[in-house]
């Protein structure tokens, strides 16, 4: 496993410390979980932006989607 040093503002570090003590979980577990969720969200955003920028992308407006799904 790779070790990474992170510098946190005091207020964030204090919040993390309090929550870790309250839940009896390690600070590392919270940092890892938060980072995993953040990276997944950012990767989804980047995939979406790549699709939007694709000049070959095909688009449907709201009314076309409703008709295609027989929601009229």
N, C-alpha and C. Protein backbone atom coordinates (compact mmCIF):
# COMPACT_ATOMS: atom_id res chain seq x y z
N UNK A 1 0.85 -1.17 0.00
CA UNK A 1 0.00 0.00 0.00
C UNK A 1 0.89 1.24 0.00
N UNK A 2 0.49 2.24 -0.74
CA UNK A 2 1.24 3.49 -0.86
C UNK A 2 0.90 4.42 0.30
N UNK A 3 1.89 5.09 0.83
CA UNK A 3 1.68 6.07 1.89
C UNK A 3 1.73 7.45 1.27
N UNK A 4 0.70 8.27 1.57
CA UNK A 4 0.62 9.63 1.02
C UNK A 4 0.42 10.60 2.19
N UNK A 5 1.19 11.65 2.21
CA UNK A 5 1.04 12.68 3.25
C UNK A 5 0.09 13.76 2.74
N UNK A 6 -0.84 14.14 3.60
CA UNK A 6 -1.81 15.18 3.24
C UNK A 6 -1.80 16.25 4.32
N UNK A 7 -1.73 17.49 3.93
CA UNK A 7 -1.80 18.60 4.89
C UNK A 7 -3.24 19.10 4.91
N UNK A 8 -3.81 19.16 6.11
CA UNK A 8 -5.19 19.58 6.27
C UNK A 8 -5.25 20.87 7.07
N UNK A 9 -6.20 21.74 6.75
CA UNK A 9 -6.42 22.90 7.61
C UNK A 9 -6.80 22.42 9.01
N UNK A 10 -6.45 23.20 10.02
CA UNK A 10 -6.69 22.79 11.40
C UNK A 10 -8.15 22.43 11.66
N UNK A 11 -9.07 23.24 11.14
CA UNK A 11 -10.49 22.97 11.42
C UNK A 11 -10.93 21.63 10.83
N UNK A 12 -10.46 21.31 9.64
CA UNK A 12 -10.81 20.03 9.01
C UNK A 12 -10.17 18.87 9.77
N UNK A 13 -8.93 19.04 10.17
CA UNK A 13 -8.24 18.00 10.93
C UNK A 13 -8.93 17.76 12.27
N UNK A 14 -9.38 18.82 12.92
CA UNK A 14 -10.08 18.68 14.19
C UNK A 14 -11.40 17.95 14.02
N UNK A 15 -12.14 18.29 12.97
CA UNK A 15 -13.41 17.60 12.70
C UNK A 15 -13.18 16.13 12.45
N UNK A 16 -12.16 15.82 11.66
CA UNK A 16 -11.83 14.43 11.36
C UNK A 16 -11.45 13.68 12.64
N UNK A 17 -10.65 14.30 13.46
CA UNK A 17 -10.22 13.67 14.71
C UNK A 17 -11.41 13.38 15.62
N UNK A 18 -12.30 14.36 15.77
CA UNK A 18 -13.48 14.18 16.62
C UNK A 18 -14.38 13.06 16.11
N UNK A 19 -14.61 13.02 14.79
CA UNK A 19 -15.47 11.99 14.23
C UNK A 19 -14.84 10.61 14.37
N UNK A 20 -13.53 10.53 14.17
CA UNK A 20 -12.84 9.24 14.31
C UNK A 20 -12.97 8.72 15.74
N UNK A 21 -12.80 9.60 16.70
CA UNK A 21 -12.93 9.19 18.11
C UNK A 21 -14.37 8.80 18.43
N UNK A 22 -15.33 9.59 17.94
CA UNK A 22 -16.74 9.31 18.21
C UNK A 22 -17.18 7.96 17.66
N UNK A 23 -16.70 7.64 16.47
CA UNK A 23 -17.13 6.41 15.79
C UNK A 23 -16.18 5.25 16.02
N UNK A 24 -15.06 5.51 16.65
CA UNK A 24 -14.02 4.51 16.88
C UNK A 24 -13.52 3.91 15.56
N UNK A 25 -13.46 4.77 14.57
CA UNK A 25 -12.87 4.39 13.28
C UNK A 25 -11.59 5.18 13.10
N UNK A 26 -10.74 4.71 12.22
CA UNK A 26 -9.48 5.42 11.98
C UNK A 26 -9.72 6.63 11.08
N UNK A 27 -8.88 7.62 11.26
CA UNK A 27 -8.95 8.80 10.38
C UNK A 27 -8.66 8.37 8.94
N UNK A 28 -7.75 7.42 8.79
CA UNK A 28 -7.42 6.91 7.46
C UNK A 28 -8.65 6.35 6.75
N UNK A 29 -9.50 5.63 7.49
CA UNK A 29 -10.68 5.04 6.85
C UNK A 29 -11.62 6.12 6.31
N UNK A 30 -11.76 7.22 7.06
CA UNK A 30 -12.61 8.32 6.59
C UNK A 30 -12.00 9.01 5.37
N UNK A 31 -10.70 9.23 5.43
CA UNK A 31 -10.02 9.89 4.30
C UNK A 31 -10.12 9.02 3.06
N UNK A 32 -9.87 7.72 3.21
CA UNK A 32 -9.93 6.81 2.06
C UNK A 32 -11.33 6.77 1.45
N UNK A 33 -12.34 6.65 2.33
CA UNK A 33 -13.73 6.59 1.84
C UNK A 33 -14.13 7.89 1.14
N UNK A 34 -13.77 9.02 1.73
CA UNK A 34 -14.11 10.31 1.13
C UNK A 34 -13.41 10.49 -0.22
N UNK A 35 -12.15 10.10 -0.29
CA UNK A 35 -11.40 10.23 -1.53
C UNK A 35 -11.94 9.32 -2.62
N UNK A 36 -12.31 8.10 -2.25
CA UNK A 36 -12.90 7.18 -3.23
C UNK A 36 -14.19 7.75 -3.81
N UNK A 37 -15.06 8.26 -2.94
CA UNK A 37 -16.32 8.84 -3.41
C UNK A 37 -16.08 10.06 -4.28
N UNK A 38 -15.15 10.92 -3.87
CA UNK A 38 -14.84 12.12 -4.64
C UNK A 38 -14.28 11.76 -6.02
N UNK A 39 -13.35 10.82 -6.05
CA UNK A 39 -12.75 10.44 -7.33
C UNK A 39 -13.77 9.80 -8.26
N UNK A 40 -14.66 8.96 -7.73
CA UNK A 40 -15.70 8.37 -8.56
C UNK A 40 -16.58 9.45 -9.18
N UNK A 41 -16.95 10.44 -8.38
CA UNK A 41 -17.79 11.53 -8.88
C UNK A 41 -17.05 12.32 -9.95
N UNK A 42 -15.80 12.63 -9.72
CA UNK A 42 -15.03 13.39 -10.69
C UNK A 42 -14.82 12.61 -11.99
N UNK A 43 -14.59 11.31 -11.86
CA UNK A 43 -14.43 10.48 -13.06
C UNK A 43 -15.73 10.44 -13.86
N UNK A 44 -16.86 10.37 -13.18
CA UNK A 44 -18.16 10.41 -13.87
C UNK A 44 -18.34 11.73 -14.59
N UNK A 45 -17.97 12.82 -13.94
CA UNK A 45 -18.08 14.14 -14.57
C UNK A 45 -17.21 14.21 -15.81
N UNK A 46 -15.99 13.74 -15.72
CA UNK A 46 -15.08 13.77 -16.88
C UNK A 46 -15.60 12.92 -18.03
N UNK A 47 -16.18 11.75 -17.71
CA UNK A 47 -16.77 10.91 -18.77
C UNK A 47 -17.93 11.64 -19.44
N UNK A 48 -18.75 12.29 -18.64
CA UNK A 48 -19.89 13.03 -19.18
C UNK A 48 -19.43 14.18 -20.06
N UNK A 49 -18.43 14.91 -19.60
CA UNK A 49 -17.91 16.02 -20.40
C UNK A 49 -17.31 15.53 -21.71
N UNK A 50 -16.65 14.39 -21.68
CA UNK A 50 -16.08 13.84 -22.91
C UNK A 50 -17.18 13.49 -23.90
N UNK A 51 -18.29 12.95 -23.40
CA UNK A 51 -19.42 12.64 -24.28
C UNK A 51 -20.02 13.91 -24.87
N UNK A 52 -20.15 14.93 -24.04
CA UNK A 52 -20.72 16.19 -24.51
C UNK A 52 -19.84 16.81 -25.59
N UNK A 53 -18.53 16.70 -25.43
CA UNK A 53 -17.58 17.31 -26.39
C UNK A 53 -17.42 16.48 -27.66
N UNK A 54 -17.93 15.26 -27.67
CA UNK A 54 -17.78 14.37 -28.82
C UNK A 54 -18.56 14.93 -30.00
N UNK A 55 -17.87 15.28 -31.09
CA UNK A 55 -18.58 15.84 -32.24
C UNK A 55 -19.51 14.83 -32.92
N UNK A 56 -19.33 13.55 -32.66
CA UNK A 56 -20.17 12.51 -33.24
C UNK A 56 -21.39 12.19 -32.37
N UNK A 57 -21.51 12.86 -31.23
CA UNK A 57 -22.61 12.57 -30.31
C UNK A 57 -23.95 12.92 -30.95
N UNK A 58 -24.94 12.12 -30.66
CA UNK A 58 -26.29 12.37 -31.12
C UNK A 58 -27.13 12.77 -29.93
N UNK A 59 -28.01 13.74 -30.13
CA UNK A 59 -28.79 14.31 -29.05
C UNK A 59 -30.28 14.21 -29.32
N UNK A 60 -31.03 14.10 -28.25
CA UNK A 60 -32.50 14.13 -28.34
C UNK A 60 -32.97 15.19 -27.36
N UNK A 61 -33.97 15.97 -27.77
CA UNK A 61 -34.52 16.93 -26.82
C UNK A 61 -35.55 16.23 -25.93
N UNK A 62 -36.04 16.94 -24.96
CA UNK A 62 -36.96 16.38 -23.96
C UNK A 62 -38.19 15.75 -24.62
N UNK A 63 -38.79 16.43 -25.55
CA UNK A 63 -39.99 15.91 -26.22
C UNK A 63 -39.70 14.64 -27.00
N UNK A 64 -38.54 14.56 -27.64
CA UNK A 64 -38.17 13.35 -28.37
C UNK A 64 -37.99 12.16 -27.42
N UNK A 65 -37.41 12.40 -26.27
CA UNK A 65 -37.23 11.33 -25.29
C UNK A 65 -38.59 10.85 -24.80
N UNK A 66 -39.49 11.78 -24.51
CA UNK A 66 -40.84 11.40 -24.05
C UNK A 66 -41.54 10.55 -25.10
N UNK A 67 -41.43 10.94 -26.37
CA UNK A 67 -42.07 10.17 -27.43
C UNK A 67 -41.42 8.80 -27.57
N UNK A 68 -40.09 8.75 -27.49
CA UNK A 68 -39.38 7.47 -27.62
C UNK A 68 -39.76 6.50 -26.50
N UNK A 69 -40.04 7.05 -25.34
CA UNK A 69 -40.41 6.21 -24.19
C UNK A 69 -41.92 6.05 -24.06
N UNK A 70 -42.65 6.59 -25.05
CA UNK A 70 -44.12 6.54 -25.07
C UNK A 70 -44.70 7.13 -23.78
N UNK A 71 -44.21 8.32 -23.42
CA UNK A 71 -44.67 8.99 -22.23
C UNK A 71 -45.59 10.16 -22.53
N UNK A 72 -45.99 10.32 -23.78
CA UNK A 72 -46.89 11.43 -24.15
C UNK A 72 -48.29 11.18 -23.63
